Amino acid sequence: MIKKHGSAKWSGGLKDGKGHVSTETGVVSDQPYGFNTRFEGGKGTNPEELLGAAHASCFSMALSMILGQSDLVADSIETRATVSLEEKDGGFAITAVHLDVTASVPGASGEDFQKAAETAKENCPLSKVLNADITMEAKLG
């Protein structure tokens, strides 16, 4: 089993509070986020943007793997994931993720590429994330 870590710090209330998010590797390190960056276009990041980047990268790697199973190697795969956050049932929910994919794959037919892309969409780990077993340890410091 492979485990990766992300962390977040938060202080204050929902609208006036401020947070920072980091990844285990430090590639993302103490990046600010808050109500303004999530809902008002403020400078910083937000969970949906990070999820979109993670999903796009996961999908691109999965597509590369699936193409490789047919002895195809992509010159390039560019994926943009648009994450939709909507008010729903008295709160907010991620209701959709749309993947826009452009690839250059020498020797691949349109049909082969579409089949590989569909398989990657259904099977990359982040496409399956909502079916994950979510566990938690919560404590007050």
N, C-alpha and C. Protein backbone atom coordinates (compact mmCIF):
# COMPACT_ATOMS: atom_id res chain seq x y z
N MET A 1 0.84 -1.17 0.00
CA MET A 1 0.00 0.00 0.00
C MET A 1 0.89 1.24 0.00
N ILE A 2 0.56 2.17 -0.85
CA ILE A 2 1.28 3.44 -0.91
C ILE A 2 0.42 4.49 -0.21
N LYS A 3 1.03 5.28 0.64
CA LYS A 3 0.32 6.36 1.33
C LYS A 3 1.02 7.67 1.03
N LYS A 4 0.25 8.67 0.67
CA LYS A 4 0.75 10.03 0.44
C LYS A 4 0.01 10.97 1.37
N HIS A 5 0.64 12.07 1.73
CA HIS A 5 0.04 12.97 2.71
C HIS A 5 -0.11 14.38 2.17
N GLY A 6 -1.18 14.99 2.55
CA GLY A 6 -1.41 16.41 2.36
C GLY A 6 -1.83 16.96 3.71
N SER A 7 -1.61 18.23 3.95
CA SER A 7 -2.00 18.79 5.24
C SER A 7 -2.55 20.19 5.06
N ALA A 8 -3.36 20.58 6.01
CA ALA A 8 -3.94 21.92 6.00
C ALA A 8 -4.00 22.46 7.41
N LYS A 9 -3.81 23.76 7.53
CA LYS A 9 -3.96 24.48 8.80
C LYS A 9 -5.04 25.53 8.57
N TRP A 10 -5.86 25.77 9.57
CA TRP A 10 -6.95 26.74 9.46
C TRP A 10 -7.11 27.44 10.79
N SER A 11 -7.40 28.75 10.73
CA SER A 11 -7.76 29.47 11.95
C SER A 11 -8.83 30.50 11.60
N GLY A 12 -9.76 30.67 12.52
CA GLY A 12 -10.82 31.65 12.33
C GLY A 12 -12.11 31.01 11.86
N GLY A 13 -13.08 31.87 11.60
CA GLY A 13 -14.39 31.42 11.13
C GLY A 13 -14.37 31.14 9.64
N LEU A 14 -15.52 30.75 9.10
CA LEU A 14 -15.61 30.38 7.69
C LEU A 14 -15.22 31.53 6.77
N LYS A 15 -15.86 32.68 6.93
CA LYS A 15 -15.64 33.78 5.99
C LYS A 15 -14.42 34.64 6.33
N ASP A 16 -14.05 34.74 7.59
CA ASP A 16 -12.92 35.58 7.96
C ASP A 16 -11.65 34.76 8.24
N GLY A 17 -11.77 33.45 8.24
CA GLY A 17 -10.64 32.59 8.55
C GLY A 17 -9.65 32.49 7.42
N LYS A 18 -8.52 31.94 7.73
CA LYS A 18 -7.46 31.77 6.76
C LYS A 18 -6.83 30.41 6.96
N GLY A 19 -6.40 29.81 5.84
CA GLY A 19 -5.77 28.52 5.92
C GLY A 19 -4.56 28.44 5.03
N HIS A 20 -3.78 27.39 5.23
CA HIS A 20 -2.62 27.09 4.40
C HIS A 20 -2.62 25.60 4.13
N VAL A 21 -2.28 25.23 2.90
CA VAL A 21 -2.28 23.84 2.50
C VAL A 21 -0.89 23.46 2.01
N SER A 22 -0.47 22.23 2.30
CA SER A 22 0.86 21.75 1.92
C SER A 22 0.78 20.29 1.49
N THR A 23 1.75 19.88 0.70
CA THR A 23 1.88 18.47 0.34
C THR A 23 3.12 17.90 1.01
N GLU A 24 3.14 16.59 1.14
CA GLU A 24 4.24 15.89 1.79
C GLU A 24 5.59 16.22 1.14
N THR A 25 5.61 16.34 -0.18
CA THR A 25 6.86 16.60 -0.90
C THR A 25 7.31 18.04 -0.81
N GLY A 26 6.41 18.93 -0.43
CA GLY A 26 6.74 20.35 -0.39
C GLY A 26 6.53 21.06 -1.71
N VAL A 27 6.06 20.35 -2.72
CA VAL A 27 5.77 20.99 -4.01
C VAL A 27 4.72 22.08 -3.81
N VAL A 28 3.74 21.79 -3.01
CA VAL A 28 2.79 22.80 -2.55
C VAL A 28 3.14 23.02 -1.09
N SER A 29 3.52 24.24 -0.75
CA SER A 29 3.99 24.49 0.61
C SER A 29 3.36 25.77 1.16
N ASP A 30 2.56 25.60 2.19
CA ASP A 30 1.92 26.73 2.88
C ASP A 30 1.22 27.69 1.93
N GLN A 31 0.51 27.13 0.94
CA GLN A 31 -0.25 27.97 0.01
C GLN A 31 -1.53 28.44 0.69
N PRO A 32 -1.84 29.74 0.61
CA PRO A 32 -3.03 30.26 1.29
C PRO A 32 -4.32 29.82 0.60
N TYR A 33 -5.32 29.58 1.44
CA TYR A 33 -6.67 29.35 0.93
C TYR A 33 -7.65 29.87 1.96
N GLY A 34 -8.84 30.15 1.52
CA GLY A 34 -9.88 30.65 2.41
C GLY A 34 -11.17 30.82 1.63
N PHE A 35 -12.16 31.39 2.29
CA PHE A 35 -13.46 31.61 1.66
C PHE A 35 -13.29 32.44 0.39
N ASN A 36 -12.45 33.46 0.47
CA ASN A 36 -12.27 34.34 -0.68
C ASN A 36 -11.63 33.63 -1.87
N THR A 37 -10.71 32.69 -1.64
CA THR A 37 -10.07 31.99 -2.75
C THR A 37 -10.97 30.90 -3.31
N ARG A 38 -11.90 30.45 -2.51
CA ARG A 38 -12.78 29.36 -2.94
C ARG A 38 -14.05 29.88 -3.62
N PHE A 39 -14.58 30.98 -3.13
CA PHE A 39 -15.87 31.44 -3.62
C PHE A 39 -15.86 32.84 -4.23
N GLU A 40 -14.78 33.59 -4.05
CA GLU A 40 -14.79 34.98 -4.49
C GLU A 40 -13.64 35.33 -5.43
N GLY A 41 -12.89 34.35 -5.91
CA GLY A 41 -11.81 34.62 -6.86
C GLY A 41 -10.58 35.27 -6.26
N GLY A 42 -10.41 35.17 -4.94
CA GLY A 42 -9.24 35.76 -4.28
C GLY A 42 -7.96 35.02 -4.64
N LYS A 43 -6.82 35.65 -4.35
CA LYS A 43 -5.52 35.06 -4.65
C LYS A 43 -5.22 33.94 -3.67
N GLY A 44 -4.79 32.81 -4.20
CA GLY A 44 -4.51 31.62 -3.42
C GLY A 44 -5.11 30.43 -4.12
N THR A 45 -5.21 29.33 -3.44
CA THR A 45 -5.74 28.11 -4.04
C THR A 45 -7.04 27.72 -3.36
N ASN A 46 -7.58 26.57 -3.73
CA ASN A 46 -8.78 26.04 -3.10
C ASN A 46 -8.84 24.54 -3.34
N PRO A 47 -9.62 23.82 -2.54
CA PRO A 47 -9.65 22.37 -2.68
C PRO A 47 -10.07 21.88 -4.06
N GLU A 48 -10.99 22.58 -4.71
CA GLU A 48 -11.47 22.14 -6.02
C GLU A 48 -10.38 22.28 -7.09
N GLU A 49 -9.60 23.35 -7.02
CA GLU A 49 -8.49 23.54 -7.95
C GLU A 49 -7.46 22.43 -7.77
N LEU A 50 -7.15 22.11 -6.53
CA LEU A 50 -6.17 21.06 -6.25
C LEU A 50 -6.69 19.70 -6.70
N LEU A 51 -7.98 19.45 -6.48
CA LEU A 51 -8.58 18.20 -6.94
C LEU A 51 -8.54 18.12 -8.46
N GLY A 52 -8.82 19.23 -9.14
CA GLY A 52 -8.77 19.26 -10.60
C GLY A 52 -7.37 18.94 -11.12
N ALA A 53 -6.36 19.53 -10.52
CA ALA A 53 -4.98 19.26 -10.94
C ALA A 53 -4.61 17.80 -10.68
N ALA A 54 -5.02 17.28 -9.52
CA ALA A 54 -4.74 15.89 -9.19
C ALA A 54 -5.44 14.94 -10.15
N HIS A 55 -6.71 15.23 -10.47
CA HIS A 55 -7.46 14.35 -11.36
C HIS A 55 -6.88 14.39 -12.77
N ALA A 56 -6.52 15.58 -13.25
CA ALA A 56 -5.94 15.70 -14.59
C ALA A 56 -4.63 14.93 -14.69
N SER A 57 -3.80 15.02 -13.67
CA SER A 57 -2.51 14.32 -13.71
C SER A 57 -2.69 12.81 -13.58
N CYS A 58 -3.60 12.38 -12.72
CA CYS A 58 -3.87 10.95 -12.55
C CYS A 58 -4.42 10.37 -13.85
N PHE A 59 -5.38 11.05 -14.46
CA PHE A 59 -5.96 10.58 -15.71
C PHE A 59 -4.90 10.47 -16.81
N SER A 60 -4.06 11.49 -16.92
CA SER A 60 -3.03 11.50 -17.98
C SER A 60 -2.09 10.31 -17.83
N MET A 61 -1.68 10.00 -16.59
CA MET A 61 -0.82 8.84 -16.36
C MET A 61 -1.54 7.54 -16.68
N ALA A 62 -2.81 7.44 -16.28
CA ALA A 62 -3.60 6.23 -16.56
C ALA A 62 -3.75 6.04 -18.06
N LEU A 63 -4.00 7.11 -18.80
CA LEU A 63 -4.14 7.02 -20.25
C LEU A 63 -2.83 6.56 -20.87
N SER A 64 -1.71 7.08 -20.39
CA SER A 64 -0.40 6.65 -20.89
C SER A 64 -0.21 5.15 -20.67
N MET A 65 -0.60 4.66 -19.50
CA MET A 65 -0.47 3.24 -19.19
C MET A 65 -1.33 2.40 -20.13
N ILE A 66 -2.56 2.82 -20.33
CA ILE A 66 -3.48 2.05 -21.16
C ILE A 66 -3.04 2.06 -22.62
N LEU A 67 -2.56 3.19 -23.10
CA LEU A 67 -2.02 3.24 -24.46
C LEU A 67 -0.83 2.29 -24.58
N GLY A 68 0.01 2.26 -23.57
CA GLY A 68 1.19 1.40 -23.58
C GLY A 68 0.84 -0.07 -23.67
N GLN A 69 -0.31 -0.46 -23.15
CA GLN A 69 -0.75 -1.85 -23.23
C GLN A 69 -1.03 -2.26 -24.68
N SER A 70 -1.22 -1.26 -25.56
CA SER A 70 -1.40 -1.51 -26.99
C SER A 70 -0.15 -1.10 -27.77
N ASP A 71 0.98 -1.00 -27.08
CA ASP A 71 2.26 -0.60 -27.68
C ASP A 71 2.19 0.78 -28.33
N LEU A 72 1.41 1.68 -27.74
CA LEU A 72 1.32 3.06 -28.20
C LEU A 72 1.94 3.97 -27.15
N VAL A 73 2.70 4.96 -27.62
CA VAL A 73 3.34 5.90 -26.72
C VAL A 73 2.93 7.31 -27.15
N ALA A 74 2.39 8.05 -26.23
CA ALA A 74 1.95 9.42 -26.53
C ALA A 74 3.14 10.36 -26.61
N ASP A 75 3.14 11.21 -27.64
CA ASP A 75 4.10 12.31 -27.68
C ASP A 75 3.70 13.35 -26.63
N SER A 76 2.39 13.51 -26.46
CA SER A 76 1.89 14.44 -25.44
C SER A 76 0.45 14.11 -25.08
N ILE A 77 0.12 14.35 -23.84
CA ILE A 77 -1.25 14.26 -23.34
C ILE A 77 -1.46 15.51 -22.49
N GLU A 78 -2.43 16.31 -22.86
CA GLU A 78 -2.75 17.50 -22.07
C GLU A 78 -4.18 17.35 -21.58
N THR A 79 -4.37 17.43 -20.27
CA THR A 79 -5.68 17.23 -19.67
C THR A 79 -6.01 18.41 -18.77
N ARG A 80 -7.21 18.92 -18.92
CA ARG A 80 -7.73 19.97 -18.05
C ARG A 80 -8.98 19.41 -17.38
N ALA A 81 -9.00 19.43 -16.06
CA ALA A 81 -10.16 18.95 -15.31
C ALA A 81 -10.90 20.15 -14.73
N THR A 82 -12.17 20.29 -15.08
CA THR A 82 -13.01 21.36 -14.56
C THR A 82 -13.92 20.76 -13.49
N VAL A 83 -13.74 21.21 -12.27
CA VAL A 83 -14.49 20.69 -11.13
C VAL A 83 -15.65 21.64 -10.84
N SER A 84 -16.86 21.08 -10.78
CA SER A 84 -18.06 21.89 -10.50
C SER A 84 -18.47 21.73 -9.04
N LEU A 85 -18.50 22.85 -8.33
CA LEU A 85 -18.93 22.90 -6.94
C LEU A 85 -20.26 23.64 -6.92
N GLU A 86 -21.30 23.00 -6.39
CA GLU A 86 -22.62 23.62 -6.38
C GLU A 86 -23.26 23.52 -5.01
N GLU A 87 -24.13 24.49 -4.73
CA GLU A 87 -24.92 24.44 -3.52
C GLU A 87 -25.98 23.36 -3.70
N LYS A 88 -26.06 22.46 -2.72
CA LYS A 88 -26.96 21.32 -2.86
C LYS A 88 -27.34 20.80 -1.48
N ASP A 89 -28.61 20.57 -1.27
CA ASP A 89 -29.11 19.96 -0.03
C ASP A 89 -28.61 20.70 1.21
N GLY A 90 -28.63 22.01 1.18
CA GLY A 90 -28.25 22.81 2.34
C GLY A 90 -26.76 22.96 2.56
N GLY A 91 -25.95 22.50 1.61
CA GLY A 91 -24.49 22.63 1.72
C GLY A 91 -23.90 22.70 0.34
N PHE A 92 -22.67 22.34 0.20
CA PHE A 92 -22.01 22.34 -1.10
C PHE A 92 -21.56 20.93 -1.44
N ALA A 93 -21.53 20.64 -2.73
CA ALA A 93 -21.11 19.33 -3.20
C ALA A 93 -20.38 19.47 -4.53
N ILE A 94 -19.39 18.63 -4.73
CA ILE A 94 -18.77 18.52 -6.05
C ILE A 94 -19.72 17.65 -6.86
N THR A 95 -20.33 18.26 -7.87
CA THR A 95 -21.36 17.57 -8.64
C THR A 95 -20.84 16.99 -9.94
N ALA A 96 -19.70 17.46 -10.41
CA ALA A 96 -19.19 16.95 -11.69
C ALA A 96 -17.72 17.32 -11.85
N VAL A 97 -17.03 16.52 -12.63
CA VAL A 97 -15.69 16.83 -13.10
C VAL A 97 -15.70 16.56 -14.60
N HIS A 98 -15.32 17.55 -15.37
CA HIS A 98 -15.25 17.39 -16.82
C HIS A 98 -13.78 17.40 -17.24
N LEU A 99 -13.38 16.36 -17.96
CA LEU A 99 -12.01 16.25 -18.45
C LEU A 99 -11.96 16.67 -19.91
N ASP A 100 -11.11 17.63 -20.22
CA ASP A 100 -10.81 18.01 -21.61
C ASP A 100 -9.42 17.49 -21.91
N VAL A 101 -9.32 16.61 -22.88
CA VAL A 101 -8.07 15.92 -23.17
C VAL A 101 -7.67 16.15 -24.62
N THR A 102 -6.43 16.52 -24.83
CA THR A 102 -5.84 16.62 -26.17
C THR A 102 -4.55 15.82 -26.13
N ALA A 103 -4.40 14.92 -27.10
CA ALA A 103 -3.21 14.07 -27.09
C ALA A 103 -2.68 13.90 -28.50
N SER A 104 -1.40 13.65 -28.57
CA SER A 104 -0.74 13.26 -29.82
C SER A 104 -0.17 11.88 -29.59
N VAL A 105 -0.72 10.90 -30.33
CA VAL A 105 -0.34 9.50 -30.13
C VAL A 105 -0.07 8.87 -31.49
N PRO A 106 1.19 8.86 -31.93
CA PRO A 106 1.51 8.28 -33.24
C PRO A 106 1.03 6.83 -33.34
N GLY A 107 0.35 6.51 -34.44
CA GLY A 107 -0.10 5.15 -34.71
C GLY A 107 -1.45 4.79 -34.11
N ALA A 108 -2.04 5.68 -33.31
CA ALA A 108 -3.33 5.37 -32.70
C ALA A 108 -4.46 5.81 -33.62
N SER A 109 -5.45 4.95 -33.78
CA SER A 109 -6.65 5.34 -34.52
C SER A 109 -7.55 6.14 -33.58
N GLY A 110 -8.47 6.89 -34.14
CA GLY A 110 -9.42 7.63 -33.31
C GLY A 110 -10.20 6.71 -32.40
N GLU A 111 -10.60 5.56 -32.92
CA GLU A 111 -11.37 4.60 -32.13
C GLU A 111 -10.52 4.03 -30.99
N ASP A 112 -9.28 3.68 -31.28
CA ASP A 112 -8.39 3.15 -30.23
C ASP A 112 -8.16 4.20 -29.13
N PHE A 113 -7.96 5.44 -29.56
CA PHE A 113 -7.72 6.50 -28.59
C PHE A 113 -8.95 6.72 -27.71
N GLN A 114 -10.13 6.78 -28.32
CA GLN A 114 -11.36 7.01 -27.54
C GLN A 114 -11.58 5.89 -26.54
N LYS A 115 -11.32 4.65 -26.95
CA LYS A 115 -11.49 3.51 -26.05
C LYS A 115 -10.51 3.60 -24.89
N ALA A 116 -9.26 3.93 -25.18
CA ALA A 116 -8.25 4.08 -24.12
C ALA A 116 -8.61 5.21 -23.17
N ALA A 117 -9.06 6.34 -23.72
CA ALA A 117 -9.42 7.49 -22.89
C ALA A 117 -10.60 7.15 -21.98
N GLU A 118 -11.59 6.46 -22.51
CA GLU A 118 -12.75 6.08 -21.71
C GLU A 118 -12.34 5.12 -20.59
N THR A 119 -11.46 4.18 -20.89
CA THR A 119 -10.97 3.24 -19.88
C THR A 119 -10.21 4.00 -18.79
N ALA A 120 -9.37 4.95 -19.19
CA ALA A 120 -8.63 5.76 -18.21
C ALA A 120 -9.58 6.58 -17.35
N LYS A 121 -10.60 7.16 -17.96
CA LYS A 121 -11.57 7.97 -17.21
C LYS A 121 -12.27 7.13 -16.15
N GLU A 122 -12.61 5.91 -16.48
CA GLU A 122 -13.33 5.05 -15.54
C GLU A 122 -12.43 4.45 -14.46
N ASN A 123 -11.13 4.32 -14.76
CA ASN A 123 -10.28 3.52 -13.87
C ASN A 123 -9.13 4.25 -13.20
N CYS A 124 -8.88 5.52 -13.49
CA CYS A 124 -7.79 6.16 -12.76
C CYS A 124 -8.22 6.29 -11.30
N PRO A 125 -7.30 6.16 -10.36
CA PRO A 125 -7.66 6.16 -8.94
C PRO A 125 -8.48 7.37 -8.49
N LEU A 126 -8.21 8.53 -9.04
CA LEU A 126 -8.98 9.70 -8.60
C LEU A 126 -10.38 9.71 -9.18
N SER A 127 -10.60 9.05 -10.32
CA SER A 127 -11.97 8.91 -10.82
C SER A 127 -12.79 8.06 -9.86
N LYS A 128 -12.13 7.18 -9.14
CA LYS A 128 -12.80 6.29 -8.20
C LYS A 128 -12.88 6.85 -6.78
N VAL A 129 -12.37 8.05 -6.57
CA VAL A 129 -12.19 8.57 -5.20
C VAL A 129 -13.48 8.58 -4.38
N LEU A 130 -14.60 8.82 -4.95
CA LEU A 130 -15.82 8.88 -4.16
C LEU A 130 -16.27 7.50 -3.68
N ASN A 131 -15.64 6.46 -4.19
CA ASN A 131 -15.92 5.12 -3.72
C ASN A 131 -14.90 4.67 -2.68
N ALA A 132 -14.06 5.59 -2.24
CA ALA A 132 -12.99 5.25 -1.30
C ALA A 132 -13.55 5.00 0.09
N ASP A 133 -12.84 4.20 0.84
CA ASP A 133 -13.12 4.01 2.25
C ASP A 133 -12.50 5.20 2.98
N ILE A 134 -13.32 6.05 3.54
CA ILE A 134 -12.83 7.26 4.20
C ILE A 134 -12.78 7.01 5.70
N THR A 135 -11.60 7.15 6.25
CA THR A 135 -11.44 6.98 7.70
C THR A 135 -10.92 8.29 8.29
N MET A 136 -11.01 8.43 9.61
CA MET A 136 -10.60 9.69 10.22
C MET A 136 -10.17 9.46 11.64
N GLU A 137 -9.20 10.24 12.04
CA GLU A 137 -8.87 10.38 13.44
C GLU A 137 -8.97 11.86 13.74
N ALA A 138 -9.86 12.23 14.64
CA ALA A 138 -10.08 13.64 14.95
C ALA A 138 -9.75 13.88 16.41
N LYS A 139 -8.96 14.91 16.66
CA LYS A 139 -8.64 15.25 18.03
C LYS A 139 -8.42 16.75 18.16
N LEU A 140 -8.67 17.24 19.30
CA LEU A 140 -8.41 18.64 19.61
C LEU A 140 -6.99 18.76 20.15
N GLY A 141 -6.28 19.80 19.67
CA GLY A 141 -4.90 19.97 20.16
C GLY A 141 -4.92 20.85 21.31
